[in-house]
PDB file of N, CA and C in Angstrom:
ATOM      1  N   MET A   1     -14.249  -3.208  -9.904  1.00  0.00           N
ATOM      2  CA  MET A   1     -12.967  -2.492  -9.183  1.00  0.00           C
ATOM      3  C   MET A   1     -13.075  -2.915  -7.945  1.00  0.00           C
ATOM      4  N   LEU A   2     -11.739  -2.706  -7.161  1.00  0.00           N
ATOM      5  CA  LEU A   2     -11.339  -3.106  -5.515  1.00  0.00           C
ATOM      6  C   LEU A   2     -11.007  -1.696  -5.406  1.00  0.00           C
ATOM      7  N   THR A   3     -12.257  -1.056  -4.889  1.00  0.00           N
ATOM      8  CA  THR A   3     -11.537  -0.455  -3.238  1.00  0.00           C
ATOM      9  C   THR A   3     -10.917  -0.797  -2.389  1.00  0.00           C
ATOM     10  N   LEU A   4      -9.434   0.063  -1.904  1.00  0.00           N
ATOM     11  CA  LEU A   4      -9.180   0.318  -0.751  1.00  0.00           C
ATOM     12  C   LEU A   4      -9.229   1.361   0.049  1.00  0.00           C
ATOM     13  N   SER A   5      -9.182   1.368   1.276  1.00  0.00           N
ATOM     14  CA  SER A   5      -9.654   2.479   2.129  1.00  0.00           C
ATOM     15  C   SER A   5      -8.604   2.611   3.423  1.00  0.00           C
ATOM     16  N   LEU A   6      -8.105   3.385   3.121  1.00  0.00           N
ATOM     17  CA  LEU A   6      -6.587   3.229   3.722  1.00  0.00           C
ATOM     18  C   LEU A   6      -7.267   4.194   5.139  1.00  0.00           C
ATOM     19  N   ASN A   7      -7.108   3.679   6.689  1.00  0.00           N
ATOM     20  CA  ASN A   7      -8.192   3.991   7.838  1.00  0.00           C
ATOM     21  C   ASN A   7      -7.351   4.378   8.908  1.00  0.00           C
ATOM     22  N   ARG A   8      -6.177   5.090   8.436  1.00  0.00           N
ATOM     23  CA  ARG A   8      -5.854   5.890  10.447  1.00  0.00           C
ATOM     24  C   ARG A   8      -5.809   7.086  10.088  1.00  0.00           C
ATOM     25  N   PRO A   9      -6.623   8.310   9.754  1.00  0.00           N
ATOM     26  CA  PRO A   9      -6.927   9.712   9.434  1.00  0.00           C
ATOM     27  C   PRO A   9      -6.333   9.815  11.353  1.00  0.00           C
ATOM     28  N   SER A  10      -6.040   9.443  12.133  1.00  0.00           N
ATOM     29  CA  SER A  10      -5.166  10.183  12.651  1.00  0.00           C
ATOM     30  C   SER A  10      -3.312  10.392  12.473  1.00  0.00           C
ATOM     31  N   ARG A  11      -3.431   9.524  11.912  1.00  0.00           N
ATOM     32  CA  ARG A  11      -1.670   9.362  11.711  1.00  0.00           C
ATOM     33  C   ARG A  11      -1.814  10.526   9.915  1.00  0.00           C
ATOM     34  N   LYS A  12      -2.753  10.921   9.418  1.00  0.00           N
ATOM     35  CA  LYS A  12      -3.426  10.890   8.350  1.00  0.00           C
ATOM     36  C   LYS A  12      -3.405   9.967   6.835  1.00  0.00           C
ATOM     37  N   ASN A  13      -3.051   9.002   7.298  1.00  0.00           N
ATOM     38  CA  ASN A  13      -3.194   7.650   6.680  1.00  0.00           C
ATOM     39  C   ASN A  13      -1.689   7.574   6.093  1.00  0.00           C
ATOM     40  N   ALA A  14      -0.796   7.495   7.094  1.00  0.00           N
ATOM     41  CA  ALA A  14       0.703   7.695   6.585  1.00  0.00           C
ATOM     42  C   ALA A  14       1.091   5.730   6.730  1.00  0.00           C
ATOM     43  N   LEU A  15       1.762   5.437   5.931  1.00  0.00           N
ATOM     44  CA  LEU A  15       1.988   4.210   5.548  1.00  0.00           C
ATOM     45  C   LEU A  15       3.077   3.846   5.966  1.00  0.00           C
ATOM     46  N   SER A  16       2.547   2.448   6.771  1.00  0.00           N
ATOM     47  CA  SER A  16       3.328   1.965   7.977  1.00  0.00           C
ATOM     48  C   SER A  16       3.845   0.700   7.161  1.00  0.00           C
ATOM     49  N   GLY A  17       4.715  -0.408   7.923  1.00  0.00           N
ATOM     50  CA  GLY A  17       5.175  -1.084   6.746  1.00  0.00           C
ATOM     51  C   GLY A  17       4.406  -2.361   6.908  1.00  0.00           C
ATOM     52  N   ASP A  18       3.346  -2.265   7.611  1.00  0.00           N
ATOM     53  CA  ASP A  18       2.019  -3.125   8.144  1.00  0.00           C
ATOM     54  C   ASP A  18       0.969  -3.165   6.942  1.00  0.00           C
ATOM     55  N   LEU A  19       0.830  -1.544   6.368  1.00  0.00           N
ATOM     56  CA  LEU A  19      -0.036  -0.918   5.402  1.00  0.00           C
ATOM     57  C   LEU A  19       0.769  -1.478   4.547  1.00  0.00           C
ATOM     58  N   TYR A  20       1.627  -1.212   3.833  1.00  0.00           N
ATOM     59  CA  TYR A  20       2.406  -1.313   2.729  1.00  0.00           C
ATOM     60  C   TYR A  20       2.149  -3.095   2.714  1.00  0.00           C
ATOM     61  N   ASP A  21       2.284  -4.161   3.522  1.00  0.00           N
ATOM     62  CA  ASP A  21       2.007  -5.496   3.312  1.00  0.00           C
ATOM     63  C   ASP A  21       0.332  -5.429   3.364  1.00  0.00           C
ATOM     64  N   ALA A  22      -0.035  -5.000   3.729  1.00  0.00           N
ATOM     65  CA  ALA A  22      -1.568  -4.914   3.007  1.00  0.00           C
ATOM     66  C   ALA A  22      -2.090  -4.642   2.155  1.00  0.00           C
ATOM     67  N   LEU A  23      -0.933  -3.725   1.359  1.00  0.00           N
ATOM     68  CA  LEU A  23      -1.944  -3.056  -0.249  1.00  0.00           C
ATOM     69  C   LEU A  23      -0.802  -4.197  -1.105  1.00  0.00           C
ATOM     70  N   THR A  24      -0.046  -4.784  -0.955  1.00  0.00           N
ATOM     71  CA  THR A  24       0.489  -5.403  -1.632  1.00  0.00           C
ATOM     72  C   THR A  24      -0.757  -6.350  -1.944  1.00  0.00           C
ATOM     73  N   GLN A  25      -0.615  -7.262  -0.525  1.00  0.00           N
ATOM     74  CA  GLN A  25      -1.766  -8.463  -0.395  1.00  0.00           C
ATOM     75  C   GLN A  25      -2.762  -8.115  -1.267  1.00  0.00           C
ATOM     76  N   ALA A  26      -3.229  -6.788  -1.030  1.00  0.00           N
ATOM     77  CA  ALA A  26      -4.662  -6.757  -2.065  1.00  0.00           C
ATOM     78  C   ALA A  26      -3.931  -6.896  -3.185  1.00  0.00           C
ATOM     79  N   HIS A  27      -3.304  -6.036  -3.834  1.00  0.00           N
ATOM     80  CA  HIS A  27      -2.813  -5.780  -5.259  1.00  0.00           C
ATOM     81  C   HIS A  27      -2.365  -7.370  -5.858  1.00  0.00           C
ATOM     82  N   GLN A  28      -1.398  -7.937  -4.683  1.00  0.00           N
ATOM     83  CA  GLN A  28      -1.744  -9.499  -5.577  1.00  0.00           C
ATOM     84  C   GLN A  28      -3.037 -10.118  -5.796  1.00  0.00           C
ATOM     85  N   LEU A  29      -3.914 -10.247  -4.952  1.00  0.00           N
ATOM     86  CA  LEU A  29      -5.504 -10.752  -5.386  1.00  0.00           C
ATOM     87  C   LEU A  29      -6.195 -10.251  -6.551  1.00  0.00           C
ATOM     88  N   ALA A  30      -6.218  -8.528  -6.421  1.00  0.00           N
ATOM     89  CA  ALA A  30      -6.773  -7.912  -7.345  1.00  0.00           C
ATOM     90  C   ALA A  30      -6.121  -8.532  -8.846  1.00  0.00           C
ATOM     91  N   GLU A  31      -5.139  -8.681  -8.955  1.00  0.00           N
ATOM     92  CA  GLU A  31      -3.928  -9.582  -9.953  1.00  0.00           C
ATOM     93  C   GLU A  31      -4.628 -10.940 -10.778  1.00  0.00           C
ATOM     94  N   THR A  32      -4.787 -11.823  -9.361  1.00  0.00           N
ATOM     95  CA  THR A  32      -5.955 -13.283  -9.809  1.00  0.00           C
ATOM     96  C   THR A  32      -7.081 -13.134 -10.114  1.00  0.00           C
ATOM     97  N   ASP A  33      -7.812 -12.034  -9.962  1.00  0.00           N
ATOM     98  CA  ASP A  33      -8.934 -11.828  -9.798  1.00  0.00           C
ATOM     99  C   ASP A  33      -9.500 -11.185 -11.157  1.00  0.00           C
ATOM    100  N   ALA A  34      -9.656 -11.499 -12.169  1.00  0.00           N
ATOM    101  CA  ALA A  34     -10.090 -11.454 -13.519  1.00  0.00           C
ATOM    102  C   ALA A  34     -11.388 -10.413 -13.762  1.00  0.00           C
ATOM    103  N   SER A  35     -12.380 -10.103 -12.934  1.00  0.00           N
ATOM    104  CA  SER A  35     -12.969  -9.131 -12.334  1.00  0.00           C
ATOM    105  C   SER A  35     -12.795  -7.841 -12.004  1.00  0.00           C
ATOM    106  N   VAL A  36     -11.163  -8.078 -11.172  1.00  0.00           N
ATOM    107  CA  VAL A  36     -10.695  -6.963 -10.735  1.00  0.00           C
ATOM    108  C   VAL A  36     -10.090  -5.981 -12.173  1.00  0.00           C
ATOM    109  N   ARG A  37     -10.690  -5.128 -12.169  1.00  0.00           N
ATOM    110  CA  ARG A  37     -10.215  -4.026 -13.898  1.00  0.00           C
ATOM    111  C   ARG A  37      -9.780  -2.927 -13.112  1.00  0.00           C
ATOM    112  N   CYS A  38      -9.549  -2.541 -11.926  1.00  0.00           N
ATOM    113  CA  CYS A  38      -9.391  -1.241 -11.565  1.00  0.00           C
ATOM    114  C   CYS A  38      -9.450  -1.370 -10.106  1.00  0.00           C
ATOM    115  N   VAL A  39      -8.133  -0.365  -9.300  1.00  0.00           N
ATOM    116  CA  VAL A  39      -7.883  -0.517  -8.079  1.00  0.00           C
ATOM    117  C   VAL A  39      -8.015   0.673  -7.626  1.00  0.00           C
ATOM    118  N   LEU A  40      -9.130   1.324  -6.648  1.00  0.00           N
ATOM    119  CA  LEU A  40      -8.856   2.240  -6.206  1.00  0.00           C
ATOM    120  C   LEU A  40      -8.438   2.116  -4.607  1.00  0.00           C
ATOM    121  N   ILE A  41      -7.871   2.989  -4.414  1.00  0.00           N
ATOM    122  CA  ILE A  41      -7.177   3.895  -3.108  1.00  0.00           C
ATOM    123  C   ILE A  41      -7.510   4.930  -2.197  1.00  0.00           C
ATOM    124  N   ARG A  42      -8.245   5.094  -1.581  1.00  0.00           N
ATOM    125  CA  ARG A  42      -8.468   6.079  -1.026  1.00  0.00           C
ATOM    126  C   ARG A  42      -7.939   6.348   0.643  1.00  0.00           C
ATOM    127  N   GLY A  43      -8.356   7.460   1.048  1.00  0.00           N
ATOM    128  CA  GLY A  43      -8.288   7.800   2.754  1.00  0.00           C
ATOM    129  C   GLY A  43      -9.248   7.959   3.024  1.00  0.00           C
ATOM    130  N   GLU A  44      -9.710   7.712   4.225  1.00  0.00           N
ATOM    131  CA  GLU A  44     -10.330   8.011   5.403  1.00  0.00           C
ATOM    132  C   GLU A  44      -9.746   9.853   6.298  1.00  0.00           C
ATOM    133  N   GLY A  45     -10.761  10.482   6.849  1.00  0.00           N
ATOM    134  CA  GLY A  45     -10.101  11.491   6.931  1.00  0.00           C
ATOM    135  C   GLY A  45      -9.990  12.518   5.941  1.00  0.00           C
ATOM    136  N   ASP A  46      -9.037  13.560   6.627  1.00  0.00           N
ATOM    137  CA  ASP A  46      -9.249  14.857   5.976  1.00  0.00           C
ATOM    138  C   ASP A  46      -7.743  14.680   5.234  1.00  0.00           C
ATOM    139  N   ALA A  47      -6.731  13.616   4.675  1.00  0.00           N
ATOM    140  CA  ALA A  47      -5.676  13.380   3.880  1.00  0.00           C
ATOM    141  C   ALA A  47      -5.762  12.510   3.414  1.00  0.00           C
ATOM    142  N   PHE A  48      -5.381  12.187   1.936  1.00  0.00           N
ATOM    143  CA  PHE A  48      -5.457  10.770   1.041  1.00  0.00           C
ATOM    144  C   PHE A  48      -4.115  10.048   2.135  1.00  0.00           C
ATOM    145  N   ILE A  49      -3.064  10.238   1.875  1.00  0.00           N
ATOM    146  CA  ILE A  49      -1.872   9.610   2.317  1.00  0.00           C
ATOM    147  C   ILE A  49      -0.890  11.089   2.811  1.00  0.00           C
ATOM    148  N   ALA A  50      -0.332  10.686   3.760  1.00  0.00           N
ATOM    149  CA  ALA A  50       0.667  11.609   4.346  1.00  0.00           C
ATOM    150  C   ALA A  50       1.905  11.263   3.910  1.00  0.00           C
ATOM    151  N   GLY A  51       2.677  10.224   3.414  1.00  0.00           N
ATOM    152  CA  GLY A  51       3.475  10.096   3.381  1.00  0.00           C
ATOM    153  C   GLY A  51       4.192   8.371   3.994  1.00  0.00           C
ATOM    154  N   ASN A  52       5.231   8.076   4.615  1.00  0.00           N
ATOM    155  CA  ASN A  52       6.106   7.002   4.978  1.00  0.00           C
ATOM    156  C   ASN A  52       5.289   8.071   6.895  1.00  0.00           C
ATOM    157  N   ASP A  53       4.983   5.928   7.302  1.00  0.00           N
ATOM    158  CA  ASP A  53       5.084   7.046   9.010  1.00  0.00           C
ATOM    159  C   ASP A  53       6.019   6.716   9.707  1.00  0.00           C
ATOM    160  N   LEU A  54       7.176   7.900   9.545  1.00  0.00           N
ATOM    161  CA  LEU A  54       8.130   7.378  10.261  1.00  0.00           C
ATOM    162  C   LEU A  54       9.089   7.198  10.846  1.00  0.00           C
ATOM    163  N   ALA A  55       7.606   6.956  11.980  1.00  0.00           N
ATOM    164  CA  ALA A  55       8.097   7.045  14.001  1.00  0.00           C
ATOM    165  C   ALA A  55       7.983   5.082  13.193  1.00  0.00           C
ATOM    166  N   ASP A  56       7.193   4.561  12.456  1.00  0.00           N
ATOM    167  CA  ASP A  56       7.110   3.113  12.665  1.00  0.00           C
ATOM    168  C   ASP A  56       8.582   2.648  11.647  1.00  0.00           C
ATOM    169  N   PHE A  57       9.087   3.186  10.761  1.00  0.00           N
ATOM    170  CA  PHE A  57       9.967   3.458  10.564  1.00  0.00           C
ATOM    171  C   PHE A  57      11.643   3.065  10.931  1.00  0.00           C
ATOM    172  N   LYS A  58      11.291   4.288  11.994  1.00  0.00           N
ATOM    173  CA  LYS A  58      12.629   4.937  12.588  1.00  0.00           C
ATOM    174  C   LYS A  58      12.959   3.076  13.561  1.00  0.00           C
ATOM    175  N   GLY A  59      11.597   2.966  14.247  1.00  0.00           N
ATOM    176  CA  GLY A  59      11.257   1.554  14.765  1.00  0.00           C
ATOM    177  C   GLY A  59      11.946   0.358  14.697  1.00  0.00           C
ATOM    178  N   ALA A  60      12.423  -0.137  13.629  1.00  0.00           N
ATOM    179  CA  ALA A  60      13.060  -0.655  12.755  1.00  0.00           C
ATOM    180  C   ALA A  60      14.166  -1.147  12.479  1.00  0.00           C
ATOM    181  N   VAL A  61      14.412  -2.130  13.646  1.00  0.00           N
ATOM    182  CA  VAL A  61      16.016  -3.090  13.808  1.00  0.00           C
ATOM    183  C   VAL A  61      17.702  -2.721  12.428  1.00  0.00           C
ATOM    184  N   ASP A  62      16.530  -3.597  11.485  1.00  0.00           N
ATOM    185  CA  ASP A  62      17.251  -3.763  10.506  1.00  0.00           C
ATOM    186  C   ASP A  62      16.784  -2.568   9.410  1.00  0.00           C
ATOM    187  N   PRO A  63      18.145  -1.700   9.050  1.00  0.00           N
ATOM    188  CA  PRO A  63      17.655  -0.803   7.609  1.00  0.00           C
ATOM    189  C   PRO A  63      17.104  -1.995   6.112  1.00  0.00           C
ATOM    190  N   ALA A  64      17.333  -3.082   6.364  1.00  0.00           N
ATOM    191  CA  ALA A  64      16.984  -2.950   4.941  1.00  0.00           C
ATOM    192  C   ALA A  64      15.443  -3.757   4.785  1.00  0.00           C
ATOM    193  N   GLN A  65      15.362  -4.162   6.377  1.00  0.00           N
ATOM    194  CA  GLN A  65      14.017  -4.808   6.613  1.00  0.00           C
ATOM    195  C   GLN A  65      13.081  -3.148   6.334  1.00  0.00           C
ATOM    196  N   VAL A  66      13.569  -1.955   7.065  1.00  0.00           N
ATOM    197  CA  VAL A  66      12.393  -0.922   6.611  1.00  0.00           C
ATOM    198  C   VAL A  66      12.340  -0.688   5.312  1.00  0.00           C
ATOM    199  N   MET A  67      12.780  -0.947   4.272  1.00  0.00           N
ATOM    200  CA  MET A  67      12.122  -0.608   2.732  1.00  0.00           C
ATOM    201  C   MET A  67      11.664  -2.246   2.156  1.00  0.00           C
ATOM    202  N   ARG A  68      11.466  -3.538   2.370  1.00  0.00           N
ATOM    203  CA  ARG A  68      11.030  -4.078   1.840  1.00  0.00           C
ATOM    204  C   ARG A  68       9.493  -4.166   1.943  1.00  0.00           C
ATOM    205  N   PRO A  69       9.398  -3.912   3.356  1.00  0.00           N
ATOM    206  CA  PRO A  69       7.482  -3.929   2.336  1.00  0.00           C
ATOM    207  C   PRO A  69       7.108  -2.743   1.286  1.00  0.00           C
ATOM    208  N   SER A  70       7.955  -1.747   1.346  1.00  0.00           N
ATOM    209  CA  SER A  70       7.418  -0.653   0.784  1.00  0.00           C
ATOM    210  C   SER A  70       7.874  -1.273  -0.805  1.00  0.00           C
ATOM    211  N   HIS A  71       9.073  -1.833  -0.802  1.00  0.00           N
ATOM    212  CA  HIS A  71       9.316  -1.861  -2.374  1.00  0.00           C
ATOM    213  C   HIS A  71       8.671  -2.955  -2.829  1.00  0.00           C
ATOM    214  N   ALA A  72       8.000  -4.458  -2.415  1.00  0.00           N
ATOM    215  CA  ALA A  72       6.913  -5.066  -2.677  1.00  0.00           C
ATOM    216  C   ALA A  72       6.131  -4.579  -3.486  1.00  0.00           C
ATOM    217  N   PHE A  73       5.406  -3.664  -2.052  1.00  0.00           N
ATOM    218  CA  PHE A  73       4.257  -3.241  -3.071  1.00  0.00           C
ATOM    219  C   PHE A  73       4.466  -2.277  -3.928  1.00  0.00           C
ATOM    220  N   MET A  74       5.589  -1.770  -4.114  1.00  0.00           N
ATOM    221  CA  MET A  74       5.765  -0.815  -5.870  1.00  0.00           C
ATOM    222  C   MET A  74       6.294  -1.868  -6.671  1.00  0.00           C
ATOM    223  N   GLN A  75       6.705  -3.027  -6.269  1.00  0.00           N
ATOM    224  CA  GLN A  75       6.981  -3.658  -7.436  1.00  0.00           C
ATOM    225  C   GLN A  75       5.773  -4.033  -7.747  1.00  0.00           C
ATOM    226  N   ALA A  76       4.799  -4.794  -7.004  1.00  0.00           N
ATOM    227  CA  ALA A  76       3.092  -5.030  -7.134  1.00  0.00           C
ATOM    228  C   ALA A  76       2.298  -3.899  -8.040  1.00  0.00           C
ATOM    229  N   MET A  77       2.390  -2.565  -7.315  1.00  0.00           N
ATOM    230  CA  MET A  77       1.768  -2.016  -8.406  1.00  0.00           C
ATOM    231  C   MET A  77       2.421  -1.498 -10.398  1.00  0.00           C
ATOM    232  N   ALA A  78       3.505  -2.018 -10.076  1.00  0.00           N
ATOM    233  CA  ALA A  78       4.549  -1.941 -11.658  1.00  0.00           C
ATOM    234  C   ALA A  78       4.410  -3.016 -11.755  1.00  0.00           C
ATOM    235  N   LYS A  79       3.982  -4.733 -11.414  1.00  0.00           N
ATOM    236  CA  LYS A  79       3.579  -5.441 -12.390  1.00  0.00           C
ATOM    237  C   LYS A  79       2.671  -5.577 -12.307  1.00  0.00           C
ATOM    238  N   ALA A  80       1.495  -4.880 -12.197  1.00  0.00           N
ATOM    239  CA  ALA A  80      -0.407  -4.562 -12.419  1.00  0.00           C
ATOM    240  C   ALA A  80      -0.643  -3.606 -13.124  1.00  0.00           C
ATOM    241  N   ILE A  81       0.435  -3.041 -13.734  1.00  0.00           N
ATOM    242  CA  ILE A  81      -0.009  -1.702 -14.544  1.00  0.00           C
ATOM    243  C   ILE A  81       0.449  -2.217 -15.727  1.00  0.00           C
ATOM    244  N   ALA A  82       1.636  -3.073 -15.640  1.00  0.00           N
ATOM    245  CA  ALA A  82       2.847  -3.824 -16.662  1.00  0.00           C
ATOM    246  C   ALA A  82       1.926  -4.665 -17.605  1.00  0.00           C
ATOM    247  N   SER A  83       1.229  -5.902 -16.651  1.00  0.00           N
ATOM    248  CA  SER A  83       0.193  -6.305 -17.442  1.00  0.00           C
ATOM    249  C   SER A  83      -1.273  -6.168 -17.798  1.00  0.00           C
ATOM    250  N   ARG A  84      -1.714  -4.586 -17.502  1.00  0.00           N
ATOM    251  CA  ARG A  84      -3.180  -4.388 -17.691  1.00  0.00           C
ATOM    252  C   ARG A  84      -3.181  -4.095 -19.617  1.00  0.00           C
ATOM    253  N   PRO A  85      -3.877  -3.881 -20.020  1.00  0.00           N
ATOM    254  CA  PRO A  85      -3.695  -4.288 -21.411  1.00  0.00           C
ATOM    255  C   PRO A  85      -4.236  -2.349 -21.401  1.00  0.00           C
TER     256      PRO A  85
END
């Protein structure tokens, strides 16, 4: 099992572009490691995930770039689910 801890308790673990990128990379690494059969995502503090960090997304200049990290994460999750027996 691979455990990923979201550690932004002051922001209720809200997902930023950088956090989406880190989660995507972790899922991609898990896909190449046959010993990883489960990925557990947990939140530090009193919240699991508050959703997207709107301040982070608001600061993006290119609207298409805003969705890129979250879309890549969703694709990685979907691929992981589809490839497991």
